[in-house]
Protein backbone atom coordinates (compact mmCIF):
# COMPACT_ATOMS: atom_id res chain seq x y z
CA MET A 1 -5.49 29.06 -30.80
CA GLN A 2 -5.54 25.76 -28.93
CA SER A 3 -6.95 25.42 -25.45
CA SER A 4 -4.63 24.99 -22.49
CA SER A 5 -5.87 21.43 -21.98
CA LEU A 6 -4.83 20.53 -25.52
CA ASP A 7 -1.45 22.24 -25.04
CA ALA A 8 -0.91 20.04 -22.01
CA GLY A 9 -1.66 16.93 -24.03
CA VAL A 10 -4.87 16.05 -22.16
CA PRO A 11 -7.67 14.50 -24.26
CA PHE A 12 -10.15 17.27 -23.52
CA ASP A 13 -13.16 15.65 -25.22
CA GLU A 14 -12.78 12.34 -23.37
CA VAL A 15 -12.29 14.00 -19.99
CA THR A 16 -15.28 16.23 -20.60
CA ALA A 17 -17.44 13.26 -21.59
CA VAL A 18 -16.52 11.30 -18.47
CA LEU A 19 -17.15 14.28 -16.19
CA TRP A 20 -20.43 15.00 -17.98
CA ILE A 21 -21.70 11.44 -17.57
CA GLY A 22 -20.58 11.37 -13.94
CA GLY A 23 -22.27 14.69 -13.29
CA ILE A 24 -25.53 13.50 -14.87
CA LEU A 25 -25.45 10.34 -12.75
CA ILE A 26 -24.92 12.21 -9.48
CA ASP A 27 -27.50 14.86 -10.40
CA GLY A 28 -30.00 12.14 -11.31
CA VAL A 29 -29.53 10.30 -8.03
CA GLU A 30 -29.77 13.55 -6.07
CA TRP A 31 -33.00 14.41 -7.91
CA PHE A 32 -34.42 10.94 -7.21
CA LEU A 33 -33.48 11.16 -3.53
CA ASP A 34 -34.81 14.71 -3.16
CA HIS A 35 -38.05 14.43 -5.16
CA ILE A 36 -39.15 10.77 -5.11
CA PHE A 37 -37.40 8.47 -2.65
CA GLY A 38 -36.83 11.09 0.06
CA PRO A 39 -40.40 12.45 0.19
CA GLY A 40 -41.74 8.90 0.09
CA MET A 41 -39.59 7.93 3.06
CA ASP A 42 -40.68 11.12 4.85
CA VAL A 43 -44.33 10.12 4.45
CA LEU A 44 -43.52 6.60 5.68
CA ALA A 45 -41.67 8.07 8.67
CA ASP A 46 -44.77 10.09 9.62
CA LEU A 47 -47.13 7.15 9.15
CA LEU A 48 -45.02 4.73 11.18
CA GLY A 49 -43.80 7.28 13.71
CA THR A 50 -40.14 6.42 13.02
CA PRO A 51 -38.09 9.62 12.57
CA MET A 52 -35.01 7.72 11.37
CA LEU A 53 -36.70 7.09 8.01
CA GLY A 54 -36.67 10.84 7.42
CA TYR A 55 -32.93 11.31 7.94
CA PRO A 56 -31.13 11.84 4.60
CA TYR A 57 -28.19 9.57 5.46
CA MET A 58 -30.59 6.75 6.45
CA GLN A 59 -32.50 7.22 3.21
CA ARG A 60 -29.23 6.83 1.28
CA ALA A 61 -28.37 3.77 3.35
CA TYR A 62 -31.75 2.11 2.68
CA LEU A 63 -31.55 2.82 -1.06
CA ALA A 64 -27.99 1.45 -1.20
CA ALA A 65 -29.02 -1.67 0.73
CA VAL A 66 -31.99 -2.26 -1.58
CA CYS A 67 -29.70 -2.08 -4.61
CA ILE A 68 -27.20 -4.49 -3.02
CA ALA A 69 -30.03 -6.90 -2.26
CA VAL A 70 -30.96 -6.97 -5.94
CA ILE A 71 -27.62 -7.35 -7.69
CA GLY A 72 -26.03 -9.65 -5.09
CA PRO A 73 -28.46 -12.59 -5.43
CA ILE A 74 -28.90 -12.12 -9.20
CA VAL A 75 -25.19 -12.77 -9.75
CA GLY A 76 -24.80 -15.07 -6.75
CA THR A 77 -27.42 -17.52 -8.01
CA PHE A 78 -25.30 -18.33 -11.05
CA LEU A 79 -22.12 -18.57 -8.95
CA VAL A 80 -23.64 -20.90 -6.34
CA HIS A 81 -25.03 -23.26 -8.98
CA ARG A 82 -21.62 -23.28 -10.68
CA GLU A 83 -20.13 -24.20 -7.30
CA MET A 84 -18.09 -20.99 -7.41
CA ALA A 85 -19.39 -19.41 -4.21
CA MET A 86 -15.86 -18.77 -2.95
CA ILE A 87 -15.07 -16.40 -5.82
CA GLY A 88 -17.08 -13.62 -4.18
CA ASP A 89 -14.92 -13.77 -1.06
CA THR A 90 -11.79 -13.90 -3.23
CA LEU A 91 -12.73 -10.78 -5.18
CA ALA A 92 -13.77 -8.98 -2.00
CA HIS A 93 -10.29 -9.45 -0.53
CA THR A 94 -8.58 -8.37 -3.74
CA ALA A 95 -10.87 -5.34 -3.85
CA PHE A 96 -9.51 -4.55 -0.40
CA ALA A 97 -6.05 -4.53 -1.99
CA GLY A 98 -7.40 -2.19 -4.67
CA VAL A 99 -8.69 0.22 -2.03
CA ALA A 100 -5.31 0.08 -0.30
CA VAL A 101 -3.60 0.85 -3.62
CA GLY A 102 -5.77 3.93 -4.11
CA LEU A 103 -5.23 5.21 -0.58
CA PHE A 104 -1.50 4.47 -0.78
CA LEU A 105 -1.09 6.38 -4.05
CA ASN A 106 -3.08 9.30 -2.67
CA SER A 107 -0.90 9.39 0.44
CA ALA A 108 2.48 8.82 -1.22
CA LEU A 109 2.00 10.87 -4.40
CA SER A 110 -0.58 13.43 -3.23
CA LEU A 111 -3.10 12.23 -5.81
CA THR A 112 -6.89 12.33 -5.61
CA LEU A 113 -7.75 8.88 -6.95
CA SER A 114 -11.03 7.34 -5.85
CA PRO A 115 -10.31 4.17 -3.83
CA LEU A 116 -13.43 2.64 -5.37
CA LEU A 117 -11.99 3.21 -8.85
CA THR A 118 -8.72 1.47 -8.04
CA ALA A 119 -10.65 -1.30 -6.26
CA PHE A 120 -12.80 -1.81 -9.37
CA VAL A 121 -9.77 -2.00 -11.68
CA VAL A 122 -7.94 -4.45 -9.40
CA ALA A 123 -11.08 -6.57 -8.86
CA VAL A 124 -11.87 -6.84 -12.58
CA VAL A 125 -8.28 -7.77 -13.47
CA THR A 126 -8.29 -10.32 -10.64
CA ALA A 127 -11.67 -11.69 -11.76
CA LEU A 128 -10.28 -12.42 -15.22
CA LEU A 129 -7.16 -13.94 -13.68
CA VAL A 130 -9.26 -16.13 -11.39
CA GLU A 131 -11.36 -17.40 -14.27
CA LEU A 132 -8.18 -18.22 -16.18
CA LEU A 133 -6.80 -20.08 -13.14
CA VAL A 134 -10.03 -22.02 -12.67
CA GLU A 135 -10.05 -23.03 -16.34
CA HIS A 136 -6.55 -24.50 -16.06
CA ALA A 137 -6.58 -25.65 -12.43
CA GLY A 138 -9.32 -28.26 -12.82
CA ALA A 139 -9.77 -30.07 -9.52
CA TYR A 140 -7.53 -27.56 -7.78
CA SER A 141 -9.72 -24.52 -8.41
CA ASP A 142 -10.37 -24.01 -4.68
CA THR A 143 -6.62 -23.88 -4.11
CA SER A 144 -6.23 -21.24 -6.82
CA LEU A 145 -8.99 -19.12 -5.30
CA ALA A 146 -7.47 -19.43 -1.83
CA ILE A 147 -4.07 -18.30 -3.12
CA VAL A 148 -5.56 -15.24 -4.83
CA LEU A 149 -7.69 -14.42 -1.76
CA THR A 150 -4.82 -14.54 0.71
CA GLY A 151 -2.48 -12.82 -1.72
CA GLY A 152 -4.88 -9.90 -2.20
CA PHE A 153 -5.32 -9.42 1.53
CA ALA A 154 -1.55 -9.68 2.03
CA VAL A 155 -0.88 -6.95 -0.55
CA GLY A 156 -3.45 -4.70 1.11
CA SER A 157 -1.90 -5.16 4.56
CA ILE A 158 1.59 -4.45 3.18
CA LEU A 159 0.46 -1.18 1.61
CA ILE A 160 -1.22 -0.12 4.86
CA THR A 161 1.94 -0.67 6.90
CA ALA A 162 4.15 0.88 4.19
CA THR A 163 2.78 4.29 5.18
CA ASP A 164 3.31 3.68 8.92
CA GLY A 165 -0.40 2.98 9.28
CA GLY A 166 -1.33 6.39 7.96
CA ILE A 167 -4.07 5.06 5.71
CA ALA A 168 -5.43 2.56 8.24
CA VAL A 169 -8.12 4.99 9.40
CA GLY A 170 -9.35 5.59 5.86
CA ILE A 171 -9.57 1.90 5.08
CA ASP A 172 -11.66 0.93 8.13
CA ALA A 173 -14.88 2.00 6.41
CA TYR A 174 -14.13 -0.35 3.51
CA LEU A 175 -13.25 -3.26 5.81
CA PHE A 176 -16.34 -3.16 8.00
CA GLY A 177 -18.81 -0.91 6.20
CA SER A 178 -20.59 2.11 7.59
CA LEU A 179 -23.97 3.80 7.24
CA ALA A 180 -22.50 7.23 7.88
CA THR A 181 -20.08 7.02 4.94
CA VAL A 182 -22.72 6.21 2.31
CA SER A 183 -22.69 9.31 0.11
CA THR A 184 -24.88 10.29 -2.80
CA GLU A 185 -21.97 9.34 -5.06
CA ASN A 186 -21.87 5.83 -3.55
CA VAL A 187 -25.61 5.44 -4.06
CA GLY A 188 -25.22 6.65 -7.63
CA ILE A 189 -22.60 3.98 -8.28
CA LEU A 190 -24.89 1.31 -6.83
CA VAL A 191 -27.85 2.44 -8.91
CA LEU A 192 -25.71 2.45 -12.05
CA MET A 193 -24.31 -1.01 -11.23
CA SER A 194 -27.83 -2.30 -10.59
CA VAL A 195 -28.93 -1.16 -14.03
CA ILE A 196 -25.83 -2.56 -15.75
CA VAL A 197 -25.88 -5.92 -13.93
CA GLY A 198 -29.63 -6.36 -14.30
CA SER A 199 -29.54 -5.49 -18.00
CA LEU A 200 -26.59 -7.77 -18.82
CA VAL A 201 -28.04 -10.74 -16.93
CA THR A 202 -31.42 -10.24 -18.59
CA LEU A 203 -29.90 -10.07 -22.07
CA ALA A 204 -27.60 -13.05 -21.52
CA TYR A 205 -29.89 -15.08 -19.26
CA ARG A 206 -30.31 -18.19 -21.39
CA PRO A 207 -26.64 -18.58 -22.37
CA LEU A 208 -25.57 -17.96 -18.76
CA LEU A 209 -28.07 -20.53 -17.53
CA TYR A 210 -26.92 -23.15 -19.99
CA VAL A 211 -23.23 -22.51 -19.27
CA THR A 212 -23.96 -22.73 -15.54
CA PHE A 213 -25.58 -26.17 -15.65
CA ASP A 214 -23.98 -27.86 -18.67
CA ALA A 215 -20.90 -26.16 -20.10
CA THR A 216 -20.08 -29.15 -22.30
CA ALA A 217 -23.47 -29.11 -23.99
CA ALA A 218 -23.23 -25.31 -24.29
CA ARG A 219 -19.99 -25.71 -26.26
CA ALA A 220 -21.70 -28.28 -28.48
CA ALA A 221 -24.45 -25.71 -29.07
CA ARG A 222 -21.71 -23.28 -30.20
CA LEU A 223 -22.05 -20.93 -27.27
CA ASN A 224 -18.94 -18.96 -26.32
CA VAL A 225 -18.61 -20.58 -22.88
CA ARG A 226 -15.38 -18.75 -22.01
CA LEU A 227 -16.97 -15.36 -22.77
CA TYR A 228 -20.00 -16.00 -20.56
CA LYS A 229 -17.89 -17.33 -17.71
CA ARG A 230 -15.71 -14.23 -17.83
CA LEU A 231 -18.78 -12.03 -18.02
CA MET A 232 -20.07 -13.58 -14.81
CA VAL A 233 -16.83 -13.07 -12.85
CA VAL A 234 -16.61 -9.45 -14.05
CA LEU A 235 -20.20 -8.87 -12.91
CA THR A 236 -19.21 -10.38 -9.56
CA ALA A 237 -16.35 -7.90 -9.28
CA MET A 238 -18.75 -5.05 -10.03
CA VAL A 239 -21.15 -6.19 -7.32
CA VAL A 240 -18.39 -6.62 -4.74
CA VAL A 241 -16.82 -3.20 -5.32
CA SER A 242 -20.10 -1.30 -5.43
CA ALA A 243 -21.36 -2.95 -2.21
CA MET A 244 -18.21 -2.82 -0.10
CA GLN A 245 -18.80 0.70 1.25
CA ILE A 246 -21.92 -0.31 3.20
CA MET A 247 -21.27 -4.04 3.72
CA GLY A 248 -17.52 -4.01 4.20
CA VAL A 249 -14.97 -6.22 2.45
CA ILE A 250 -15.22 -8.96 5.04
CA LEU A 251 -18.98 -9.46 4.66
CA VAL A 252 -19.84 -8.33 1.14
CA ALA A 253 -19.50 -11.85 -0.32
CA ALA A 254 -22.27 -13.06 1.99
CA MET A 255 -24.91 -11.27 -0.11
CA LEU A 256 -23.82 -13.35 -3.08
CA VAL A 257 -24.28 -16.63 -1.23
CA VAL A 258 -26.54 -16.62 1.86
CA PRO A 259 -29.82 -15.41 0.25
CA VAL A 260 -29.22 -17.81 -2.65
CA ALA A 261 -28.68 -20.70 -0.24
CA ALA A 262 -31.91 -19.79 1.54
CA ALA A 263 -33.88 -19.63 -1.72
CA ALA A 264 -32.47 -22.97 -2.88
CA GLN A 265 -34.21 -24.69 0.04
CA VAL A 266 -37.70 -23.83 -1.21
CA ALA A 267 -37.42 -22.84 -4.89
CA GLY A 268 -38.76 -25.16 -7.57
CA SER A 269 -36.97 -23.62 -10.56
CA PHE A 270 -33.96 -21.47 -11.37
CA LYS A 271 -36.01 -18.33 -12.07
CA GLN A 272 -37.92 -18.87 -8.85
CA SER A 273 -34.61 -19.28 -7.04
CA ILE A 274 -33.45 -15.86 -8.27
CA LEU A 275 -36.73 -14.20 -7.28
CA LEU A 276 -36.81 -15.75 -3.80
CA ALA A 277 -33.12 -14.96 -3.26
CA VAL A 278 -33.76 -11.29 -4.07
CA LEU A 279 -36.76 -11.20 -1.72
CA ALA A 280 -34.73 -12.84 1.06
CA ALA A 281 -31.89 -10.36 0.49
CA GLU A 282 -34.28 -7.39 0.52
CA PHE A 283 -35.72 -8.48 3.85
CA ALA A 284 -32.24 -8.99 5.29
CA ALA A 285 -30.97 -5.65 3.95
CA ILE A 286 -33.87 -3.59 5.29
CA ALA A 287 -33.89 -5.41 8.63
CA GLY A 288 -30.11 -5.14 8.94
CA VAL A 289 -29.97 -1.41 8.24
CA THR A 290 -32.80 -0.81 10.72
CA LEU A 291 -31.13 -2.87 13.45
CA SER A 292 -27.84 -1.13 12.75
CA TYR A 293 -29.38 2.27 13.47
CA VAL A 294 -31.49 1.22 16.45
CA TYR A 295 -28.72 -0.62 18.31
CA GLY A 296 -25.68 1.24 16.97
CA ILE A 297 -24.09 -1.88 15.47
CA ALA A 298 -22.32 -2.57 12.17
CA ALA A 299 -24.62 -2.41 9.15
CA GLY A 300 -22.83 -5.14 7.20
CA GLY A 301 -22.85 -7.56 10.12
CA SER A 302 -26.52 -6.86 10.84
CA ILE A 303 -27.51 -7.53 7.23
CA VAL A 304 -25.57 -10.81 7.10
CA VAL A 305 -26.99 -12.03 10.43
CA ALA A 306 -30.51 -11.24 9.19
CA ALA A 307 -29.77 -13.15 5.97
CA ILE A 308 -28.53 -16.15 7.98
CA ALA A 309 -31.75 -16.00 10.02
CA VAL A 310 -33.74 -16.21 6.78
CA TYR A 311 -31.60 -19.18 5.75
CA ALA A 312 -32.35 -20.90 9.07
CA VAL A 313 -36.08 -20.37 8.54
CA ALA A 314 -35.81 -21.81 5.03
CA LEU A 315 -33.98 -24.86 6.41
CA GLY A 316 -36.74 -25.29 8.98
CA PHE A 317 -39.36 -25.09 6.25
CA GLN A 318 -37.54 -27.72 4.23
CA GLY A 319 -37.38 -30.02 7.26
CA LEU A 320 -41.09 -29.48 7.84
CA ALA A 321 -41.85 -30.26 4.20
CA HIS A 322 -40.27 -33.69 4.57
CA ARG A 323 -42.63 -34.45 7.44
CA LEU A 324 -45.89 -33.21 5.89
CA PRO A 325 -47.28 -35.43 3.11
CA THR A 326 -49.28 -32.60 1.50
CA VAL A 327 -46.29 -30.26 1.23
CA GLN A 328 -44.13 -33.13 0.05
CA ARG A 329 -46.59 -33.92 -2.72
CA LEU A 330 -46.74 -30.28 -3.85
CA ARG A 331 -42.94 -30.06 -3.93
CA SER A 332 -42.71 -33.22 -6.05
CA GLN A 333 -44.99 -31.61 -8.65
CA ARG A 334 -42.69 -28.61 -9.19
CA PRO A 335 -40.01 -28.76 -11.89
CA GLY A 336 -36.59 -29.47 -10.47
CA GLN A 337 -33.16 -28.83 -11.96
CA THR A 338 -33.30 -31.85 -14.25
CA ARG A 339 -32.66 -31.39 -17.96
CA GLU A 340 -36.42 -31.20 -18.58
CA GLY A 341 -36.93 -28.74 -15.72
CA LEU A 342 -34.04 -26.62 -16.93
CA GLU A 343 -35.40 -26.42 -20.48
CA ALA A 344 -38.87 -25.55 -19.16
CA ASP A 345 -37.27 -22.75 -17.16
CA GLY A 346 -35.81 -21.07 -20.22
CA GLY A 347 -32.57 -23.00 -20.48
CA GLU A 348 -33.10 -24.52 -23.88
CA ARG A 349 -30.44 -24.22 -26.52
CA GLU A 350 -30.30 -21.14 -28.64
């Protein structure tokens, strides 16, 4: 006798597998929060005399911010050096359309779709479309990105008004971000994305580096340039969607660009740029979340302002370096982004 799920034509094994993996992920994050991260934050709260570190929702917010500060600069470093910084903003606005699609379908058809799931699907499809447009647009790539960006935001606004504004309340958290809405499920998604993004970038580091700085030579070395470019835009979509709940659509792209720009002022190599960008982002994320709680202001805005402050300090350091002969001499001894410096940094041909 067949089960009712098979009678209904539902692929029981696939559904069970997805639910099982999702359940393991959430259970794992809950265990980590309850037995490792949470108790550690409780001890820190007692030592520093700051009760907010012991609140469960603040612990989730800090863990989410730490994850964002890792994956944002890792992907953003490649984008900035490819002069594709605008793609993060483009995908953030199309992810907004994806959230609107999910909320619209839930409202109109009484479904229970996750807005983050629809945002991820829309963002990935858009990422591949954007890469295709950039490949064929040539000098007009910025125009293509601007069209996709404004189009995505336009679609989102149309879907919001199509329900007489009924989903506007639900979409506010995605537009501006919120500490209070960071759930264990959201943190689980961020942890999973951090593992996936970190693993893929580590495995494909050298090809990605070579494609970033010299795509023509990468083709001559028989690297699949198109594949690695598409991999990078898909990773960007993953970062944007997973971070939008705490940062907000409007500001999420900043974590792909601002820490990287700060690191570029002082870094002497590409690997060092990634490391310094992550450190700058971590400082900004932790400071931003703390300021958000203390002063009751938006978390995403606080994190971005803190990141811009780090960028300003890095600019000041660079200006100082030009005036101090000793610092200038030390900087001249570090490998730059010349062909020789790139190869010494792990960018040699495969």
